[in-house]
Amino acid sequence: MTKKRSLTLLLAAWMLTGSLASCGEAPAVSSDDPASSGDIAGSAAEEAVPEETEPADPLAHLPVQDYEGYDFHFLIRNFPDWIDDMVAEEMTGEVVNDAVFRRNTETAERYNITISHELSSNSNYETDAKASILAGDDTYDLVVPHGRCAHIYANEGLVLDWNQLEYVDLTQGYWDADAVRSFTLPGGLFAMTGDISYQSVGACNAMLFNKNYFDEYQFEYPYETVKEGAWTFDMFASMVEGYSRDLDGDGKLGDGDIYGYGTFHWIGPVQAFYSSGSRVVDNTDGSYTFNVYNERSISMFERYFAMYDSANVWKVPLTEQQNGATAQMFRKGGMLFADLNVTEVLALRDMDHEFGILPWPKYDESSEYLSNVDAGVNLFVVPITNSDPARTSLILETLCILGREYVIPSYYDVALKTRDSRDEESAAMLDIIAANRVFDLGYYNESFGGSYASHFAEIATSGSREFASWYQQKEKAAAKLLDRIVKTYEERANG
């Protein structure tokens, strides 16, 4: 029996039990074990032993410069998740830390520089470098702020165009192609990310599932269904509806029961919007248009919020502003599915139950798996006061290449480790997630997105489910702001 077929039967079985199944024994469902045979015809021939060769130097195309001990100094947010992305003071034996240390050390040694950092005034949303830039000081070679704050610097004309950074090759896969396309504005590209930051993967939205609950029903995990392109939102929603379990028999779901799905309003609702293929702002050949309200976003809105507002979904209380609560609930076995940022998976390695990682489900089978990258991610901007952009570009390109070589593989290795083993099947799922990252200009740059910038997340917390009226009420003001900010960039570009 194929995994796709098994999941189809799973839906049928769960739907028959009802949305709030009792705590009785799970229905027994048999599944065929495909017989495996495979006699190897003929005698085995000795494999040729390949000649050992030195691995190619990934930096061979870059010049080796001696910057005579120059201190490359950057500003970064004062929170461990963001600091650890770029800073490792020493080797500790922790895999990702040591990969970051190796990347930074090799870069520093190659160019005879030191790399130092300064912490911002808070852990999240700040623009501390503005004062020094406006004063004309070259205090910072680089600023690593919140994604939305990066665009505040850009909107005010305080950062350089990445296309003018001599040694940065934005056509290479270690720089994110969707960020290049989406963030390109009149006059240039003013904020970037890629393999220079493992958080460019860590801030992606992913769907986790509890393997133990799948095992109870003797059903295959959805990995093959994902690969076949059949992991759709409708399939997911049917599972959520059919699985929730009222263990204490009081007729409702609460503490100690099992929900079909758990989420946070900055994760699930936001990802639902992007899985429809929509964007707050479509950036096409220099044309910037809203794509918030369309046939697919309307359909996803209706389907997602029908599920979201049901008793089968656990939601982080509005009084809590961090998605960590979802991870905690998932860790204790409180739900079948949970959507989280990939980086939160690292906190689940001591979870009693086994779990797997999936991309968020597709809009339909003809669509793509799309993974929003949370706007809180580290973005990188180069101040206009930078005293040597060529030097900075060489350092950035090197950090990004070595990030691809050392840091991203190490991050994968850690993210995929569960309590008992490395989940190799989830590795392919992470590849799909990382390959389909979404950087929506209108979500990251609030001057472009205006009052649409938070789209479904805002609607999720508003209590209203009137999508059409929500869109229409904001349309005039949002369009006016978009027109003004585009003109600002155009005027700046034209001198």
Protein backbone atom coordinates (compact mmCIF):
# COMPACT_ATOMS: atom_id res chain seq x y z
CA MET A 1 0.00 0.00 0.00
CA THR A 2 1.44 3.38 -0.88
CA LYS A 3 1.84 6.10 1.69
CA LYS A 4 -0.53 8.28 -0.29
CA ARG A 5 -3.14 5.52 -0.11
CA SER A 6 -2.49 5.06 3.61
CA LEU A 7 -3.11 8.74 4.26
CA THR A 8 -6.34 8.59 2.27
CA LEU A 9 -7.54 5.75 4.49
CA LEU A 10 -6.35 7.67 7.54
CA LEU A 11 -8.64 10.54 6.63
CA ALA A 12 -11.56 8.21 6.22
CA ALA A 13 -10.89 6.46 9.51
CA TRP A 14 -10.47 9.66 11.46
CA MET A 15 -13.54 11.27 9.94
CA LEU A 16 -15.63 8.25 10.91
CA THR A 17 -14.58 8.61 14.53
CA GLY A 18 -15.83 12.23 14.66
CA SER A 19 -14.06 15.43 15.54
CA LEU A 20 -14.06 14.79 19.26
CA ALA A 21 -13.37 11.07 19.45
CA SER A 22 -13.56 9.44 22.85
CA CYS A 23 -10.48 8.26 24.64
CA GLY A 24 -11.18 4.66 23.71
CA GLU A 25 -8.78 2.50 21.78
CA ALA A 26 -7.91 3.80 18.35
CA PRO A 27 -9.56 1.93 15.45
CA ALA A 28 -7.33 -0.79 14.13
CA VAL A 29 -6.45 -0.30 10.53
CA SER A 30 -4.32 -2.76 8.66
CA SER A 31 -1.80 -1.75 6.09
CA ASP A 32 -0.09 -3.89 3.52
CA ASP A 33 3.58 -4.49 3.84
CA PRO A 34 4.91 -4.54 0.31
CA ALA A 35 7.07 -7.59 -0.15
CA SER A 36 10.60 -6.79 -0.95
CA SER A 37 12.83 -9.05 -2.91
CA GLY A 38 15.82 -8.39 -5.01
CA ASP A 39 18.31 -11.11 -5.78
CA ILE A 40 21.36 -9.60 -7.31
CA ALA A 41 21.93 -11.17 -10.69
CA GLY A 42 25.44 -12.27 -11.47
CA SER A 43 28.57 -12.04 -9.41
CA ALA A 44 29.52 -8.79 -7.74
CA ALA A 45 32.27 -6.92 -9.48
CA GLU A 46 34.87 -5.07 -7.54
CA GLU A 47 34.19 -1.37 -7.38
CA ALA A 48 36.88 0.86 -8.77
CA VAL A 49 38.54 2.90 -6.07
CA PRO A 50 38.47 6.56 -7.14
CA GLU A 51 41.68 8.49 -6.98
CA GLU A 52 41.80 10.79 -3.97
CA THR A 53 41.76 14.47 -4.84
CA GLU A 54 41.90 17.60 -2.78
CA PRO A 55 38.48 19.23 -2.38
CA ALA A 56 38.06 22.37 -4.42
CA ASP A 57 38.62 25.61 -2.58
CA PRO A 58 35.23 27.39 -2.53
CA LEU A 59 37.04 30.72 -2.15
CA ALA A 60 39.52 30.21 -4.97
CA HIS A 61 37.86 32.82 -7.18
CA LEU A 62 38.18 35.54 -4.54
CA PRO A 63 41.34 37.62 -4.08
CA VAL A 64 43.33 37.26 -0.87
CA GLN A 65 43.76 40.71 0.62
CA ASP A 66 45.77 41.80 3.65
CA TYR A 67 43.74 44.35 5.58
CA GLU A 68 46.45 44.74 8.23
CA GLY A 69 44.40 43.92 11.30
CA TYR A 70 41.35 45.98 10.37
CA ASP A 71 38.46 45.58 12.83
CA PHE A 72 35.32 44.62 10.91
CA HIS A 73 32.62 45.87 13.27
CA PHE A 74 28.90 45.19 13.09
CA LEU A 75 25.75 45.92 15.11
CA ILE A 76 23.34 43.10 15.97
CA ARG A 77 20.21 42.66 18.09
CA ASN A 78 20.73 41.83 21.73
CA PHE A 79 19.15 38.36 21.85
CA PRO A 80 20.90 34.96 21.80
CA ASP A 81 19.04 33.57 18.76
CA TRP A 82 20.28 36.45 16.62
CA ILE A 83 23.72 36.85 18.18
CA ASP A 84 24.53 33.13 17.88
CA ASP A 85 23.75 33.34 14.18
CA MET A 86 26.81 35.54 13.66
CA VAL A 87 29.01 35.29 16.77
CA ALA A 88 30.97 32.42 18.35
CA GLU A 89 33.61 33.48 20.83
CA GLU A 90 35.31 30.06 21.07
CA MET A 91 35.00 26.39 20.19
CA THR A 92 32.64 24.70 22.65
CA GLY A 93 31.90 21.33 21.07
CA GLU A 94 28.40 22.47 20.13
CA VAL A 95 28.06 21.76 16.41
CA VAL A 96 26.54 25.01 15.14
CA ASN A 97 28.60 27.26 17.41
CA ASP A 98 31.80 25.59 16.22
CA ALA A 99 30.77 25.94 12.57
CA VAL A 100 30.13 29.67 13.09
CA PHE A 101 33.49 29.97 14.87
CA ARG A 102 35.25 28.21 12.00
CA ARG A 103 33.55 30.42 9.40
CA ASN A 104 34.47 33.63 11.22
CA THR A 105 37.99 32.52 12.10
CA GLU A 106 38.87 31.44 8.57
CA THR A 107 37.49 34.71 7.19
CA ALA A 108 39.46 36.75 9.69
CA GLU A 109 42.69 34.84 9.02
CA ARG A 110 42.31 34.99 5.25
CA TYR A 111 42.08 38.80 5.23
CA ASN A 112 44.09 39.60 8.37
CA ILE A 113 41.16 41.25 10.13
CA THR A 114 39.37 40.97 13.43
CA ILE A 115 35.60 40.63 13.56
CA SER A 116 33.82 42.36 16.42
CA HIS A 117 30.23 43.19 17.24
CA GLU A 118 28.15 45.58 19.28
CA LEU A 119 24.77 44.74 20.78
CA SER A 120 21.72 46.90 20.14
CA SER A 121 19.64 48.55 22.82
CA ASN A 122 17.01 45.81 22.82
CA SER A 123 16.38 42.31 21.58
CA ASN A 124 13.99 42.97 18.75
CA TYR A 125 12.84 46.04 16.85
CA GLU A 126 15.45 48.80 16.87
CA THR A 127 17.33 51.11 14.53
CA ASP A 128 20.26 52.03 16.78
CA ALA A 129 22.69 52.65 13.91
CA LYS A 130 20.66 55.51 12.46
CA ALA A 131 22.22 58.17 14.68
CA SER A 132 25.81 57.34 13.70
CA ILE A 133 24.94 57.03 10.01
CA LEU A 134 23.12 60.37 9.99
CA ALA A 135 26.13 61.91 11.75
CA GLY A 136 28.39 60.62 8.97
CA ASP A 137 30.31 58.24 11.22
CA ASP A 138 31.65 54.96 9.85
CA THR A 139 31.09 53.19 13.16
CA TYR A 140 29.63 50.08 11.58
CA ASP A 141 30.77 48.14 8.55
CA LEU A 142 27.55 46.15 8.71
CA VAL A 143 24.21 46.24 10.53
CA VAL A 144 22.24 43.04 11.24
CA PRO A 145 18.74 44.14 12.32
CA HIS A 146 15.19 42.78 12.44
CA GLY A 147 13.94 42.24 8.89
CA ARG A 148 11.47 45.09 9.05
CA CYS A 149 14.02 47.44 10.60
CA ALA A 150 16.42 46.70 7.75
CA HIS A 151 13.87 48.29 5.46
CA ILE A 152 13.51 51.32 7.69
CA TYR A 153 17.20 52.00 7.03
CA ALA A 154 16.57 51.44 3.33
CA ASN A 155 13.48 53.66 3.20
CA GLU A 156 15.50 56.53 4.65
CA GLY A 157 18.35 56.12 2.18
CA LEU A 158 20.88 55.11 4.82
CA VAL A 159 22.30 51.94 3.25
CA LEU A 160 24.22 50.90 0.13
CA ASP A 161 22.94 49.03 -2.89
CA TRP A 162 24.11 45.40 -2.77
CA ASN A 163 24.51 45.43 -6.54
CA GLN A 164 27.38 47.89 -6.01
CA LEU A 165 29.22 45.61 -3.57
CA GLU A 166 32.02 44.51 -5.84
CA TYR A 167 32.70 40.95 -4.70
CA VAL A 168 29.16 39.93 -3.76
CA ASP A 169 27.75 37.63 -6.45
CA LEU A 170 23.99 37.65 -5.99
CA THR A 171 23.50 35.11 -8.80
CA GLN A 172 24.97 32.38 -6.62
CA GLY A 173 22.71 30.01 -4.70
CA TYR A 174 24.19 30.91 -1.33
CA TRP A 175 22.39 34.28 -1.62
CA ASP A 176 18.62 33.83 -1.53
CA ALA A 177 17.12 34.37 -4.98
CA ASP A 178 13.64 35.28 -3.77
CA ALA A 179 15.06 37.94 -1.46
CA VAL A 180 16.99 39.40 -4.42
CA ARG A 181 13.88 39.50 -6.60
CA SER A 182 11.42 40.69 -3.97
CA PHE A 183 13.60 43.29 -2.23
CA THR A 184 14.86 44.95 -5.43
CA LEU A 185 13.62 48.53 -5.47
CA PRO A 186 14.08 51.58 -7.70
CA GLY A 187 17.76 52.35 -7.29
CA GLY A 188 18.92 48.98 -6.05
CA LEU A 189 18.80 46.18 -3.53
CA PHE A 190 19.31 47.46 -0.01
CA ALA A 191 18.90 44.43 2.30
CA MET A 192 19.90 40.81 1.83
CA THR A 193 20.28 37.40 3.39
CA GLY A 194 21.35 33.92 2.43
CA ASP A 195 23.68 31.26 3.79
CA ILE A 196 25.54 33.95 5.69
CA SER A 197 22.74 33.38 8.21
CA TYR A 198 21.46 29.99 9.36
CA GLN A 199 18.40 31.86 10.55
CA SER A 200 17.44 32.25 6.89
CA VAL A 201 16.47 28.58 7.28
CA GLY A 202 15.64 28.75 10.98
CA ALA A 203 13.01 31.45 10.51
CA CYS A 204 11.15 29.43 7.88
CA ASN A 205 7.72 28.12 8.76
CA ALA A 206 7.43 24.34 8.94
CA MET A 207 4.79 21.80 9.95
CA LEU A 208 5.65 19.25 12.64
CA PHE A 209 3.73 16.05 13.28
CA ASN A 210 3.68 13.63 16.20
CA LYS A 211 4.94 10.27 14.96
CA ASN A 212 3.62 8.38 17.96
CA TYR A 213 0.06 9.38 17.16
CA PHE A 214 0.53 8.27 13.55
CA ASP A 215 1.97 4.98 14.84
CA GLU A 216 -1.07 4.38 17.05
CA TYR A 217 -3.20 4.28 13.92
CA GLN A 218 -0.59 2.23 12.03
CA PHE A 219 -0.31 4.75 9.25
CA GLU A 220 2.66 5.84 7.24
CA TYR A 221 4.22 9.23 7.82
CA PRO A 222 3.40 11.87 5.16
CA TYR A 223 6.92 12.09 3.72
CA GLU A 224 6.11 10.27 0.48
CA THR A 225 2.86 12.19 0.16
CA VAL A 226 4.91 15.40 0.25
CA LYS A 227 7.28 14.09 -2.41
CA GLU A 228 4.36 13.05 -4.61
CA GLY A 229 3.00 16.60 -4.41
CA ALA A 230 -0.19 15.47 -2.71
CA TRP A 231 0.33 17.08 0.72
CA THR A 232 -2.40 19.70 0.40
CA PHE A 233 -4.19 22.00 2.76
CA ASP A 234 -7.47 20.10 2.36
CA MET A 235 -5.78 16.83 3.34
CA PHE A 236 -4.19 18.53 6.34
CA ALA A 237 -7.45 20.18 7.46
CA SER A 238 -9.29 16.85 7.25
CA MET A 239 -6.71 15.26 9.52
CA VAL A 240 -7.00 18.12 11.99
CA GLU A 241 -10.77 17.77 12.10
CA GLY A 242 -10.74 14.00 12.35
CA TYR A 243 -8.04 13.49 14.95
CA SER A 244 -8.74 15.73 17.95
CA ARG A 245 -9.33 13.62 21.08
CA ASP A 246 -11.35 14.50 24.15
CA LEU A 247 -9.47 12.27 26.57
CA ASP A 248 -11.36 13.25 29.71
CA GLY A 249 -14.76 12.81 28.07
CA ASP A 250 -16.16 16.20 29.07
CA GLY A 251 -17.32 16.98 25.53
CA LYS A 252 -14.77 19.69 24.81
CA LEU A 253 -11.06 20.06 24.23
CA GLY A 254 -8.87 21.54 26.93
CA ASP A 255 -5.77 20.88 28.99
CA GLY A 256 -4.83 17.21 28.88
CA ASP A 257 -6.70 16.56 25.62
CA ILE A 258 -5.17 16.28 22.15
CA TYR A 259 -5.85 18.88 19.48
CA GLY A 260 -5.51 18.25 15.79
CA TYR A 261 -3.35 21.34 15.30
CA GLY A 262 -1.71 24.12 17.27
CA THR A 263 -0.48 27.49 16.05
CA PHE A 264 0.43 31.09 16.81
CA HIS A 265 -1.18 33.98 14.94
CA TRP A 266 2.20 35.08 13.53
CA ILE A 267 2.79 31.59 12.08
CA GLY A 268 -0.26 29.67 10.83
CA PRO A 269 -2.41 32.54 9.53
CA VAL A 270 0.61 34.21 7.91
CA GLN A 271 1.74 30.97 6.28
CA ALA A 272 -1.79 30.22 5.05
CA PHE A 273 -1.73 33.48 3.12
CA TYR A 274 1.61 32.65 1.46
CA SER A 275 0.61 29.08 0.71
CA SER A 276 -2.16 30.51 -1.46
CA GLY A 277 0.59 31.95 -3.66
CA SER A 278 -0.33 35.51 -2.69
CA ARG A 279 1.91 38.36 -1.61
CA VAL A 280 1.17 41.67 0.00
CA VAL A 281 3.17 43.32 -2.79
CA ASP A 282 4.04 41.72 -6.09
CA ASN A 283 7.36 43.06 -7.35
CA THR A 284 7.49 42.43 -11.09
CA ASP A 285 9.94 44.27 -13.35
CA GLY A 286 9.80 47.43 -11.28
CA SER A 287 6.02 47.38 -10.88
CA TYR A 288 4.75 47.21 -7.31
CA THR A 289 1.13 46.10 -6.89
CA PHE A 290 -0.96 44.67 -4.06
CA ASN A 291 -1.89 41.02 -4.38
CA VAL A 292 -3.67 40.57 -1.07
CA TYR A 293 -7.23 40.02 -2.20
CA ASN A 294 -7.61 37.52 -5.03
CA GLU A 295 -9.39 34.29 -5.82
CA ARG A 296 -6.79 32.07 -4.18
CA SER A 297 -6.31 34.20 -1.06
CA ILE A 298 -10.10 34.35 -0.60
CA SER A 299 -10.35 30.57 -0.91
CA MET A 300 -7.50 29.99 1.52
CA PHE A 301 -8.93 32.56 3.93
CA GLU A 302 -12.27 30.75 4.02
CA ARG A 303 -10.77 27.27 4.36
CA TYR A 304 -8.08 28.20 6.86
CA PHE A 305 -10.25 30.20 9.22
CA ALA A 306 -13.03 27.59 9.14
CA MET A 307 -10.44 25.23 10.61
CA TYR A 308 -8.70 27.85 12.79
CA ASP A 309 -11.94 28.85 14.53
CA SER A 310 -12.98 25.25 15.24
CA ALA A 311 -12.60 23.45 18.54
CA ASN A 312 -9.92 21.24 16.97
CA VAL A 313 -7.27 23.98 16.94
CA TRP A 314 -5.22 25.17 19.89
CA LYS A 315 -4.05 28.77 19.61
CA VAL A 316 -1.44 30.68 21.61
CA PRO A 317 -3.35 33.07 23.91
CA LEU A 318 -3.30 36.66 22.69
CA THR A 319 -1.64 37.68 25.94
CA GLU A 320 1.47 35.77 24.83
CA GLN A 321 3.52 37.21 22.00
CA GLN A 322 6.00 34.39 21.47
CA ASN A 323 5.43 31.20 19.55
CA GLY A 324 7.33 29.18 22.17
CA ALA A 325 4.00 28.27 23.74
CA THR A 326 3.10 26.18 20.69
CA ALA A 327 6.36 24.26 20.95
CA GLN A 328 5.72 23.59 24.63
CA MET A 329 2.22 22.31 23.91
CA PHE A 330 3.49 20.11 21.09
CA ARG A 331 6.32 18.81 23.25
CA LYS A 332 3.94 17.46 25.89
CA GLY A 333 1.88 15.65 23.26
CA GLY A 334 -0.97 18.13 23.13
CA MET A 335 -1.48 18.08 19.36
CA LEU A 336 -1.05 16.02 16.22
CA PHE A 337 0.33 18.90 14.12
CA ALA A 338 2.02 22.17 15.02
CA ASP A 339 3.48 24.85 12.81
CA LEU A 340 6.64 26.49 14.12
CA ASN A 341 9.71 28.26 12.88
CA VAL A 342 12.35 25.65 12.08
CA THR A 343 14.66 27.00 14.76
CA GLU A 344 12.17 25.98 17.45
CA VAL A 345 12.63 22.35 16.49
CA LEU A 346 15.95 22.44 18.35
CA ALA A 347 14.07 22.79 21.64
CA LEU A 348 12.16 19.53 21.03
CA ARG A 349 15.02 17.06 21.01
CA ASP A 350 14.21 15.83 24.53
CA MET A 351 10.50 15.40 23.69
CA ASP A 352 9.13 12.05 24.87
CA HIS A 353 7.34 11.47 21.58
CA GLU A 354 9.07 11.21 18.22
CA PHE A 355 8.24 13.87 15.65
CA GLY A 356 8.82 14.66 12.01
CA ILE A 357 9.23 17.82 9.95
CA LEU A 358 7.14 18.63 6.88
CA PRO A 359 6.68 21.67 4.67
CA TRP A 360 3.46 23.55 5.30
CA PRO A 361 0.80 21.97 3.03
CA LYS A 362 0.21 23.24 -0.51
CA TYR A 363 -2.81 25.23 -1.64
CA ASP A 364 -3.67 22.35 -4.01
CA GLU A 365 -1.82 19.62 -5.88
CA SER A 366 -0.96 21.89 -8.80
CA SER A 367 0.70 24.45 -6.50
CA GLU A 368 4.13 24.65 -4.89
CA TYR A 369 5.19 24.16 -1.30
CA LEU A 370 5.94 27.68 -0.08
CA SER A 371 7.65 28.61 3.19
CA ASN A 372 7.37 32.12 4.57
CA VAL A 373 10.50 33.39 6.28
CA ASP A 374 9.45 35.22 9.43
CA ALA A 375 10.18 38.95 9.14
CA GLY A 376 11.99 38.85 12.47
CA VAL A 377 14.90 37.09 10.76
CA ASN A 378 18.35 38.67 10.57
CA LEU A 379 18.74 40.82 7.47
CA PHE A 380 21.99 42.50 6.46
CA VAL A 381 22.47 46.14 5.46
CA VAL A 382 25.65 48.09 4.70
CA PRO A 383 25.61 51.71 5.92
CA ILE A 384 26.25 54.48 3.39
CA THR A 385 29.03 55.65 5.71
CA ASN A 386 30.99 52.43 5.14
CA SER A 387 34.59 53.50 4.52
CA ASP A 388 35.52 50.65 2.15
CA PRO A 389 32.57 48.89 0.43
CA ALA A 390 34.92 46.67 -1.61
CA ARG A 391 36.50 45.32 1.58
CA THR A 392 33.09 44.77 3.14
CA SER A 393 31.82 43.01 0.02
CA LEU A 394 34.77 40.60 0.06
CA ILE A 395 34.17 39.78 3.72
CA LEU A 396 30.43 39.32 3.19
CA GLU A 397 30.91 37.04 0.19
CA THR A 398 33.41 34.94 2.13
CA LEU A 399 31.16 34.66 5.19
CA CYS A 400 28.28 33.59 2.98
CA ILE A 401 30.27 30.97 1.06
CA LEU A 402 31.72 29.51 4.25
CA GLY A 403 28.25 29.63 5.77
CA ARG A 404 27.13 27.35 2.97
CA GLU A 405 30.15 25.10 3.48
CA TYR A 406 30.15 24.83 7.29
CA VAL A 407 27.23 26.43 9.08
CA ILE A 408 24.14 25.43 7.11
CA PRO A 409 25.07 21.70 7.05
CA SER A 410 25.75 21.82 10.80
CA TYR A 411 22.43 23.55 11.43
CA TYR A 412 20.62 20.86 9.43
CA ASP A 413 22.37 18.17 11.42
CA VAL A 414 21.26 19.64 14.74
CA ALA A 415 17.73 20.48 13.61
CA LEU A 416 17.16 16.93 12.42
CA LYS A 417 18.24 15.21 15.61
CA THR A 418 15.36 13.80 17.64
CA ARG A 419 15.57 12.09 21.00
CA ASP A 420 16.73 8.78 19.57
CA SER A 421 18.20 9.42 16.15
CA ARG A 422 18.68 11.75 13.24
CA ASP A 423 15.50 11.84 11.15
CA GLU A 424 16.86 11.37 7.65
CA GLU A 425 13.42 11.56 6.04
CA SER A 426 12.92 15.03 7.46
CA ALA A 427 16.18 16.11 5.80
CA ALA A 428 14.46 15.97 2.41
CA MET A 429 11.60 17.98 3.87
CA LEU A 430 13.98 20.69 5.07
CA ASP A 431 15.44 20.82 1.58
CA ILE A 432 11.97 21.52 0.19
CA ILE A 433 11.34 24.18 2.83
CA ALA A 434 14.64 25.95 2.21
CA ALA A 435 14.30 25.78 -1.57
CA ASN A 436 10.91 27.51 -1.52
CA ARG A 437 11.48 30.41 0.86
CA VAL A 438 9.26 33.47 0.50
CA PHE A 439 10.46 37.02 1.25
CA ASP A 440 7.46 39.27 0.62
CA LEU A 441 8.44 42.93 0.19
CA GLY A 442 5.06 44.07 1.54
CA TYR A 443 5.44 41.94 4.67
CA TYR A 444 9.02 43.01 5.40
CA ASN A 445 8.71 46.65 4.37
CA GLU A 446 5.74 48.19 6.14
CA SER A 447 5.93 51.32 4.00
CA PHE A 448 5.24 49.17 0.95
CA GLY A 449 2.70 46.87 2.59
CA GLY A 450 1.04 49.59 4.63
CA SER A 451 -1.95 48.41 6.59
CA TYR A 452 -1.87 45.10 4.69
CA ALA A 453 1.60 44.19 5.95
CA SER A 454 0.34 41.76 8.60
CA HIS A 455 -2.60 40.45 6.52
CA PHE A 456 -4.07 37.21 7.99
CA ALA A 457 -2.21 37.64 11.31
CA GLU A 458 -4.12 40.85 11.93
CA ILE A 459 -7.41 39.27 10.94
CA ALA A 460 -6.75 36.28 13.21
CA THR A 461 -6.58 38.53 16.27
CA SER A 462 -9.33 40.97 15.27
CA GLY A 463 -12.28 38.69 15.90
CA SER A 464 -13.75 39.67 12.53
CA ARG A 465 -13.81 37.30 9.59
CA GLU A 466 -14.94 39.83 6.98
CA PHE A 467 -12.01 39.65 4.60
CA ALA A 468 -13.58 41.74 1.84
CA SER A 469 -14.54 44.64 4.09
CA TRP A 470 -11.15 44.50 5.87
CA TYR A 471 -9.41 44.83 2.51
CA GLN A 472 -11.67 47.58 1.18
CA GLN A 473 -11.42 49.73 4.31
CA LYS A 474 -7.63 49.84 4.02
CA GLU A 475 -7.25 50.04 0.25
CA LYS A 476 -7.15 53.82 -0.25
CA ALA A 477 -4.63 54.55 2.51
CA ALA A 478 -2.43 51.57 1.59
CA ALA A 479 -2.34 52.55 -2.09
CA LYS A 480 -1.46 56.14 -1.22
CA LEU A 481 1.43 55.05 0.99
CA LEU A 482 2.71 52.58 -1.61
CA ASP A 483 2.67 55.26 -4.30
CA ARG A 484 4.53 57.71 -2.05
CA ILE A 485 7.27 55.28 -1.04
CA VAL A 486 7.86 54.13 -4.63
CA LYS A 487 8.24 57.76 -5.71
CA THR A 488 10.69 58.36 -2.89
CA TYR A 489 12.91 55.54 -4.14
CA GLU A 490 12.58 56.68 -7.74
CA GLU A 491 13.55 60.26 -6.89
CA ARG A 492 16.53 59.07 -4.89
CA ALA A 493 17.62 56.77 -7.72
CA ASN A 494 17.37 59.59 -10.25
CA GLY A 495 19.52 61.83 -8.17
